[in-house]
């Protein structure tokens, strides 16, 4: 689910998971490093949900990738 609703809590919606990714943004980090840090803190993440949330952030123009490193848009 993209949005939270009666059956999907915010933390498990794509928007909630995209927000969790944004909280862990750091410069000079690869996708693999970000994935590893998320799974280390919360084992309920799946790579499918992670990739969808990261794609959502990419679509919003919040993140890009250059030479294998995530590049975050400045606020």
PDB file of N, CA and C in Angstrom:
ATOM      1  N   UNK A   1       0.820  -1.182   0.000  1.00  0.00           N
ATOM      2  CA  UNK A   1       0.000   0.000   0.000  1.00  0.00           C
ATOM      3  C   UNK A   1       0.869   1.252   0.000  1.00  0.00           C
ATOM      4  N   UNK A   2       0.491   2.181  -0.811  1.00  0.00           N
ATOM      5  CA  UNK A   2       1.208   3.448  -0.884  1.00  0.00           C
ATOM      6  C   UNK A   2       0.894   4.322   0.326  1.00  0.00           C
ATOM      7  N   UNK A   3      -0.387   4.426   0.642  1.00  0.00           N
ATOM      8  CA  UNK A   3      -0.821   5.272   1.744  1.00  0.00           C
ATOM      9  C   UNK A   3      -1.319   4.430   2.910  1.00  0.00           C
ATOM     10  N   UNK A   4      -1.177   4.950   4.126  1.00  0.00           N
ATOM     11  CA  UNK A   4      -1.749   4.225   5.265  1.00  0.00           C
ATOM     12  C   UNK A   4      -3.267   4.268   5.208  1.00  0.00           C
ATOM     13  N   UNK A   5      -3.883   3.256   5.738  1.00  0.00           N
ATOM     14  CA  UNK A   5      -5.334   3.236   5.823  1.00  0.00           C
ATOM     15  C   UNK A   5      -5.732   2.474   7.081  1.00  0.00           C
ATOM     16  N   UNK A   6      -6.949   2.002   7.121  1.00  0.00           N
ATOM     17  CA  UNK A   6      -7.456   1.314   8.298  1.00  0.00           C
ATOM     18  C   UNK A   6      -6.653   0.044   8.613  1.00  0.00           C
ATOM     19  N   UNK A   7      -6.130  -0.611   7.599  1.00  0.00           N
ATOM     20  CA  UNK A   7      -5.445  -1.885   7.788  1.00  0.00           C
ATOM     21  C   UNK A   7      -3.928  -1.801   7.659  1.00  0.00           C
ATOM     22  N   UNK A   8      -3.426  -0.695   7.146  1.00  0.00           N
ATOM     23  CA  UNK A   8      -1.981  -0.528   6.943  1.00  0.00           C
ATOM     24  C   UNK A   8      -1.520   0.642   7.807  1.00  0.00           C
ATOM     25  N   UNK A   9      -0.640   0.342   8.769  1.00  0.00           N
ATOM     26  CA  UNK A   9      -0.125   1.406   9.633  1.00  0.00           C
ATOM     27  C   UNK A   9       0.869   2.262   8.850  1.00  0.00           C
ATOM     28  N   UNK A  10       1.103   3.457   9.320  1.00  0.00           N
ATOM     29  CA  UNK A  10       1.962   4.405   8.621  1.00  0.00           C
ATOM     30  C   UNK A  10       3.346   3.813   8.378  1.00  0.00           C
ATOM     31  N   UNK A  11       3.906   3.148   9.357  1.00  0.00           N
ATOM     32  CA  UNK A  11       5.265   2.613   9.242  1.00  0.00           C
ATOM     33  C   UNK A  11       5.399   1.559   8.151  1.00  0.00           C
ATOM     34  N   UNK A  12       4.333   0.896   7.780  1.00  0.00           N
ATOM     35  CA  UNK A  12       4.380  -0.154   6.759  1.00  0.00           C
ATOM     36  C   UNK A  12       3.887   0.320   5.400  1.00  0.00           C
ATOM     37  N   UNK A  13       3.416   1.556   5.309  1.00  0.00           N
ATOM     38  CA  UNK A  13       3.027   2.095   4.006  1.00  0.00           C
ATOM     39  C   UNK A  13       4.288   2.541   3.272  1.00  0.00           C
ATOM     40  N   UNK A  14       4.208   2.686   1.981  1.00  0.00           N
ATOM     41  CA  UNK A  14       5.379   3.132   1.219  1.00  0.00           C
ATOM     42  C   UNK A  14       5.801   4.537   1.619  1.00  0.00           C
ATOM     43  N   UNK A  15       4.845   5.394   1.912  1.00  0.00           N
ATOM     44  CA  UNK A  15       5.199   6.736   2.358  1.00  0.00           C
ATOM     45  C   UNK A  15       5.919   6.691   3.702  1.00  0.00           C
ATOM     46  N   UNK A  16       5.468   5.843   4.600  1.00  0.00           N
ATOM     47  CA  UNK A  16       6.130   5.695   5.900  1.00  0.00           C
ATOM     48  C   UNK A  16       7.521   5.120   5.756  1.00  0.00           C
ATOM     49  N   UNK A  17       7.684   4.158   4.855  1.00  0.00           N
ATOM     50  CA  UNK A  17       9.004   3.568   4.656  1.00  0.00           C
ATOM     51  C   UNK A  17       9.932   4.536   3.933  1.00  0.00           C
ATOM     52  N   UNK A  18       9.389   5.351   3.041  1.00  0.00           N
ATOM     53  CA  UNK A  18      10.208   6.385   2.403  1.00  0.00           C
ATOM     54  C   UNK A  18      10.674   7.395   3.448  1.00  0.00           C
ATOM     55  N   UNK A  19       9.811   7.718   4.398  1.00  0.00           N
ATOM     56  CA  UNK A  19      10.194   8.630   5.478  1.00  0.00           C
ATOM     57  C   UNK A  19      11.299   8.018   6.336  1.00  0.00           C
ATOM     58  N   UNK A  20      11.227   6.713   6.585  1.00  0.00           N
ATOM     59  CA  UNK A  20      12.273   6.043   7.353  1.00  0.00           C
ATOM     60  C   UNK A  20      13.612   6.090   6.621  1.00  0.00           C
ATOM     61  N   UNK A  21      13.566   5.967   5.307  1.00  0.00           N
ATOM     62  CA  UNK A  21      14.790   6.072   4.504  1.00  0.00           C
ATOM     63  C   UNK A  21      15.351   7.490   4.605  1.00  0.00           C
ATOM     64  N   UNK A  22      14.477   8.483   4.540  1.00  0.00           N
ATOM     65  CA  UNK A  22      14.928   9.876   4.628  1.00  0.00           C
ATOM     66  C   UNK A  22      15.591  10.172   5.966  1.00  0.00           C
ATOM     67  N   UNK A  23      15.128   9.542   7.021  1.00  0.00           N
ATOM     68  CA  UNK A  23      15.725   9.754   8.338  1.00  0.00           C
ATOM     69  C   UNK A  23      17.147   9.201   8.410  1.00  0.00           C
ATOM     70  N   UNK A  24      17.474   8.273   7.549  1.00  0.00           N
ATOM     71  CA  UNK A  24      18.799   7.647   7.565  1.00  0.00           C
ATOM     72  C   UNK A  24      19.702   8.118   6.433  1.00  0.00           C
ATOM     73  N   UNK A  25      19.342   9.200   5.781  1.00  0.00           N
ATOM     74  CA  UNK A  25      20.166   9.678   4.672  1.00  0.00           C
ATOM     75  C   UNK A  25      21.480  10.252   5.197  1.00  0.00           C
ATOM     76  N   UNK A  26      22.524   9.855   4.532  1.00  0.00           N
ATOM     77  CA  UNK A  26      23.870  10.331   4.836  1.00  0.00           C
ATOM     78  C   UNK A  26      24.602  10.504   3.520  1.00  0.00           C
ATOM     79  N   UNK A  27      25.527  11.452   3.453  1.00  0.00           N
ATOM     80  CA  UNK A  27      26.288  11.621   2.217  1.00  0.00           C
ATOM     81  C   UNK A  27      27.240  10.441   1.984  1.00  0.00           C
ATOM     82  N   UNK A  28      27.579  10.223   0.738  1.00  0.00           N
ATOM     83  CA  UNK A  28      28.543   9.182   0.343  1.00  0.00           C
ATOM     84  C   UNK A  28      28.146   7.798   0.822  1.00  0.00           C
ATOM     85  N   UNK A  29      26.907   7.427   0.597  1.00  0.00           N
ATOM     86  CA  UNK A  29      26.398   6.124   0.992  1.00  0.00           C
ATOM     87  C   UNK A  29      25.856   5.409  -0.239  1.00  0.00           C
ATOM     88  N   UNK A  30      26.121   4.129  -0.334  1.00  0.00           N
ATOM     89  CA  UNK A  30      25.602   3.347  -1.454  1.00  0.00           C
ATOM     90  C   UNK A  30      24.228   2.780  -1.084  1.00  0.00           C
ATOM     91  N   UNK A  31      23.540   2.262  -2.077  1.00  0.00           N
ATOM     92  CA  UNK A  31      22.248   1.623  -1.842  1.00  0.00           C
ATOM     93  C   UNK A  31      22.421   0.427  -0.912  1.00  0.00           C
ATOM     94  N   UNK A  32      23.472  -0.354  -1.122  1.00  0.00           N
ATOM     95  CA  UNK A  32      23.723  -1.534  -0.287  1.00  0.00           C
ATOM     96  C   UNK A  32      23.969  -1.157   1.165  1.00  0.00           C
ATOM     97  N   UNK A  33      24.701  -0.082   1.386  1.00  0.00           N
ATOM     98  CA  UNK A  33      24.961   0.363   2.761  1.00  0.00           C
ATOM     99  C   UNK A  33      23.680   0.828   3.440  1.00  0.00           C
ATOM    100  N   UNK A  34      22.851   1.542   2.711  1.00  0.00           N
ATOM    101  CA  UNK A  34      21.569   1.993   3.253  1.00  0.00           C
ATOM    102  C   UNK A  34      20.677   0.804   3.575  1.00  0.00           C
ATOM    103  N   UNK A  35      20.612  -0.149   2.669  1.00  0.00           N
ATOM    104  CA  UNK A  35      19.814  -1.361   2.878  1.00  0.00           C
ATOM    105  C   UNK A  35      20.301  -2.106   4.120  1.00  0.00           C
ATOM    106  N   UNK A  36      21.591  -2.275   4.262  1.00  0.00           N
ATOM    107  CA  UNK A  36      22.146  -3.000   5.408  1.00  0.00           C
ATOM    108  C   UNK A  36      21.815  -2.308   6.727  1.00  0.00           C
ATOM    109  N   UNK A  37      21.878  -0.988   6.750  1.00  0.00           N
ATOM    110  CA  UNK A  37      21.577  -0.271   7.991  1.00  0.00           C
ATOM    111  C   UNK A  37      20.095  -0.372   8.350  1.00  0.00           C
ATOM    112  N   UNK A  38      19.225  -0.361   7.354  1.00  0.00           N
ATOM    113  CA  UNK A  38      17.795  -0.483   7.625  1.00  0.00           C
ATOM    114  C   UNK A  38      17.440  -1.864   8.165  1.00  0.00           C
ATOM    115  N   UNK A  39      17.997  -2.893   7.560  1.00  0.00           N
ATOM    116  CA  UNK A  39      17.693  -4.258   7.987  1.00  0.00           C
ATOM    117  C   UNK A  39      18.288  -4.548   9.364  1.00  0.00           C
ATOM    118  N   UNK A  40      19.436  -3.954   9.666  1.00  0.00           N
ATOM    119  CA  UNK A  40      20.056  -4.158  10.973  1.00  0.00           C
ATOM    120  C   UNK A  40      19.185  -3.601  12.097  1.00  0.00           C
ATOM    121  N   UNK A  41      18.475  -2.506  11.821  1.00  0.00           N
ATOM    122  CA  UNK A  41      17.626  -1.891  12.833  1.00  0.00           C
ATOM    123  C   UNK A  41      16.230  -2.501  12.891  1.00  0.00           C
ATOM    124  N   UNK A  42      15.717  -2.931  11.746  1.00  0.00           N
ATOM    125  CA  UNK A  42      14.347  -3.463  11.677  1.00  0.00           C
ATOM    126  C   UNK A  42      14.304  -4.596  10.668  1.00  0.00           C
ATOM    127  N   UNK A  43      14.211  -5.807  11.149  1.00  0.00           N
ATOM    128  CA  UNK A  43      14.283  -6.980  10.271  1.00  0.00           C
ATOM    129  C   UNK A  43      12.998  -7.208   9.472  1.00  0.00           C
ATOM    130  N   UNK A  44      11.970  -6.396   9.685  1.00  0.00           N
ATOM    131  CA  UNK A  44      10.725  -6.590   8.937  1.00  0.00           C
ATOM    132  C   UNK A  44      10.784  -5.988   7.537  1.00  0.00           C
ATOM    133  N   UNK A  45      11.850  -5.260   7.213  1.00  0.00           N
ATOM    134  CA  UNK A  45      12.000  -4.704   5.868  1.00  0.00           C
ATOM    135  C   UNK A  45      12.194  -5.823   4.861  1.00  0.00           C
ATOM    136  N   UNK A  46      11.600  -5.673   3.693  1.00  0.00           N
ATOM    137  CA  UNK A  46      11.900  -6.560   2.573  1.00  0.00           C
ATOM    138  C   UNK A  46      12.560  -5.716   1.496  1.00  0.00           C
ATOM    139  N   UNK A  47      13.367  -6.343   0.662  1.00  0.00           N
ATOM    140  CA  UNK A  47      14.057  -5.581  -0.364  1.00  0.00           C
ATOM    141  C   UNK A  47      13.071  -5.015  -1.379  1.00  0.00           C
ATOM    142  N   UNK A  48      11.988  -5.717  -1.620  1.00  0.00           N
ATOM    143  CA  UNK A  48      10.965  -5.207  -2.545  1.00  0.00           C
ATOM    144  C   UNK A  48      10.388  -3.886  -2.046  1.00  0.00           C
ATOM    145  N   UNK A  49      10.030  -3.835  -0.778  1.00  0.00           N
ATOM    146  CA  UNK A  49       9.470  -2.609  -0.202  1.00  0.00           C
ATOM    147  C   UNK A  49      10.512  -1.493  -0.170  1.00  0.00           C
ATOM    148  N   UNK A  50      11.760  -1.876   0.142  1.00  0.00           N
ATOM    149  CA  UNK A  50      12.854  -0.905   0.155  1.00  0.00           C
ATOM    150  C   UNK A  50      13.041  -0.294  -1.231  1.00  0.00           C
ATOM    151  N   UNK A  51      13.073  -1.129  -2.248  1.00  0.00           N
ATOM    152  CA  UNK A  51      13.291  -0.618  -3.607  1.00  0.00           C
ATOM    153  C   UNK A  51      12.109   0.226  -4.076  1.00  0.00           C
ATOM    154  N   UNK A  52      10.889  -0.132  -3.689  1.00  0.00           N
ATOM    155  CA  UNK A  52       9.724   0.670  -4.052  1.00  0.00           C
ATOM    156  C   UNK A  52       9.761   2.034  -3.358  1.00  0.00           C
ATOM    157  N   UNK A  53      10.121   2.040  -2.079  1.00  0.00           N
ATOM    158  CA  UNK A  53      10.201   3.306  -1.342  1.00  0.00           C
ATOM    159  C   UNK A  53      11.319   4.181  -1.901  1.00  0.00           C
ATOM    160  N   UNK A  54      12.447   3.589  -2.241  1.00  0.00           N
ATOM    161  CA  UNK A  54      13.544   4.349  -2.831  1.00  0.00           C
ATOM    162  C   UNK A  54      13.161   4.868  -4.217  1.00  0.00           C
ATOM    163  N   UNK A  55      12.426   4.077  -4.978  1.00  0.00           N
ATOM    164  CA  UNK A  55      11.931   4.521  -6.287  1.00  0.00           C
ATOM    165  C   UNK A  55      10.940   5.668  -6.140  1.00  0.00           C
ATOM    166  N   UNK A  56      10.125   5.620  -5.108  1.00  0.00           N
ATOM    167  CA  UNK A  56       9.187   6.703  -4.833  1.00  0.00           C
ATOM    168  C   UNK A  56       9.951   7.996  -4.550  1.00  0.00           C
ATOM    169  N   UNK A  57      11.001   7.909  -3.744  1.00  0.00           N
ATOM    170  CA  UNK A  57      11.829   9.081  -3.449  1.00  0.00           C
ATOM    171  C   UNK A  57      12.524   9.590  -4.713  1.00  0.00           C
ATOM    172  N   UNK A  58      12.954   8.667  -5.565  1.00  0.00           N
ATOM    173  CA  UNK A  58      13.570   9.060  -6.828  1.00  0.00           C
ATOM    174  C   UNK A  58      12.553   9.797  -7.706  1.00  0.00           C
ATOM    175  N   UNK A  59      11.349   9.270  -7.754  1.00  0.00           N
ATOM    176  CA  UNK A  59      10.291   9.896  -8.547  1.00  0.00           C
ATOM    177  C   UNK A  59       9.936  11.285  -8.050  1.00  0.00           C
ATOM    178  N   UNK A  60      10.027  11.499  -6.746  1.00  0.00           N
ATOM    179  CA  UNK A  60       9.766  12.812  -6.164  1.00  0.00           C
ATOM    180  C   UNK A  60      10.948  13.759  -6.330  1.00  0.00           C
ATOM    181  N   UNK A  61      12.070  13.237  -6.818  1.00  0.00           N
ATOM    182  CA  UNK A  61      13.250  14.076  -7.001  1.00  0.00           C
ATOM    183  C   UNK A  61      14.054  14.296  -5.742  1.00  0.00           C
ATOM    184  N   UNK A  62      13.854  13.454  -4.747  1.00  0.00           N
ATOM    185  CA  UNK A  62      14.540  13.601  -3.468  1.00  0.00           C
ATOM    186  C   UNK A  62      15.917  12.950  -3.494  1.00  0.00           C
ATOM    187  N   UNK A  63      16.067  11.893  -4.271  1.00  0.00           N
ATOM    188  CA  UNK A  63      17.323  11.156  -4.312  1.00  0.00           C
ATOM    189  C   UNK A  63      17.680  10.823  -5.759  1.00  0.00           C
ATOM    190  N   UNK A  64      18.945  10.757  -6.004  1.00  0.00           N
ATOM    191  CA  UNK A  64      19.468  10.329  -7.295  1.00  0.00           C
ATOM    192  C   UNK A  64      20.676   9.445  -7.037  1.00  0.00           C
ATOM    193  N   UNK A  65      21.307   9.002  -8.086  1.00  0.00           N
ATOM    194  CA  UNK A  65      22.490   8.167  -7.929  1.00  0.00           C
ATOM    195  C   UNK A  65      23.549   8.633  -8.921  1.00  0.00           C
ATOM    196  N   UNK A  66      24.770   8.748  -8.426  1.00  0.00           N
ATOM    197  CA  UNK A  66      25.887   9.170  -9.257  1.00  0.00           C
ATOM    198  C   UNK A  66      27.104   8.331  -8.871  1.00  0.00           C
ATOM    199  N   UNK A  67      27.625   7.596  -9.844  1.00  0.00           N
ATOM    200  CA  UNK A  67      28.790   6.721  -9.627  1.00  0.00           C
ATOM    201  C   UNK A  67      28.569   5.726  -8.491  1.00  0.00           C
ATOM    202  N   UNK A  68      27.344   5.230  -8.367  1.00  0.00           N
ATOM    203  CA  UNK A  68      27.029   4.220  -7.353  1.00  0.00           C
ATOM    204  C   UNK A  68      26.760   4.783  -5.979  1.00  0.00           C
ATOM    205  N   UNK A  69      26.794   6.100  -5.826  1.00  0.00           N
ATOM    206  CA  UNK A  69      26.566   6.747  -4.530  1.00  0.00           C
ATOM    207  C   UNK A  69      25.231   7.488  -4.575  1.00  0.00           C
ATOM    208  N   UNK A  70      24.455   7.371  -3.499  1.00  0.00           N
ATOM    209  CA  UNK A  70      23.190   8.096  -3.420  1.00  0.00           C
ATOM    210  C   UNK A  70      23.460   9.583  -3.252  1.00  0.00           C
ATOM    211  N   UNK A  71      22.751  10.383  -4.022  1.00  0.00           N
ATOM    212  CA  UNK A  71      22.868  11.842  -3.949  1.00  0.00           C
ATOM    213  C   UNK A  71      21.515  12.386  -3.518  1.00  0.00           C
ATOM    214  N   UNK A  72      21.477  13.052  -2.365  1.00  0.00           N
ATOM    215  CA  UNK A  72      20.241  13.557  -1.802  1.00  0.00           C
ATOM    216  C   UNK A  72      20.036  15.007  -2.215  1.00  0.00           C
ATOM    217  N   UNK A  73      18.804  15.358  -2.526  1.00  0.00           N
ATOM    218  CA  UNK A  73      18.467  16.750  -2.864  1.00  0.00           C
ATOM    219  C   UNK A  73      18.568  17.596  -1.604  1.00  0.00           C
ATOM    220  N   UNK A  74      19.009  18.810  -1.770  1.00  0.00           N
ATOM    221  CA  UNK A  74      19.104  19.702  -0.622  1.00  0.00           C
ATOM    222  C   UNK A  74      17.741  20.321  -0.350  1.00  0.00           C
ATOM    223  N   UNK A  75      17.396  20.472   0.927  1.00  0.00           N
ATOM    224  CA  UNK A  75      16.069  21.021   1.273  1.00  0.00           C
ATOM    225  C   UNK A  75      15.935  22.483   0.944  1.00  0.00           C
TER     226      UNK A  75
END
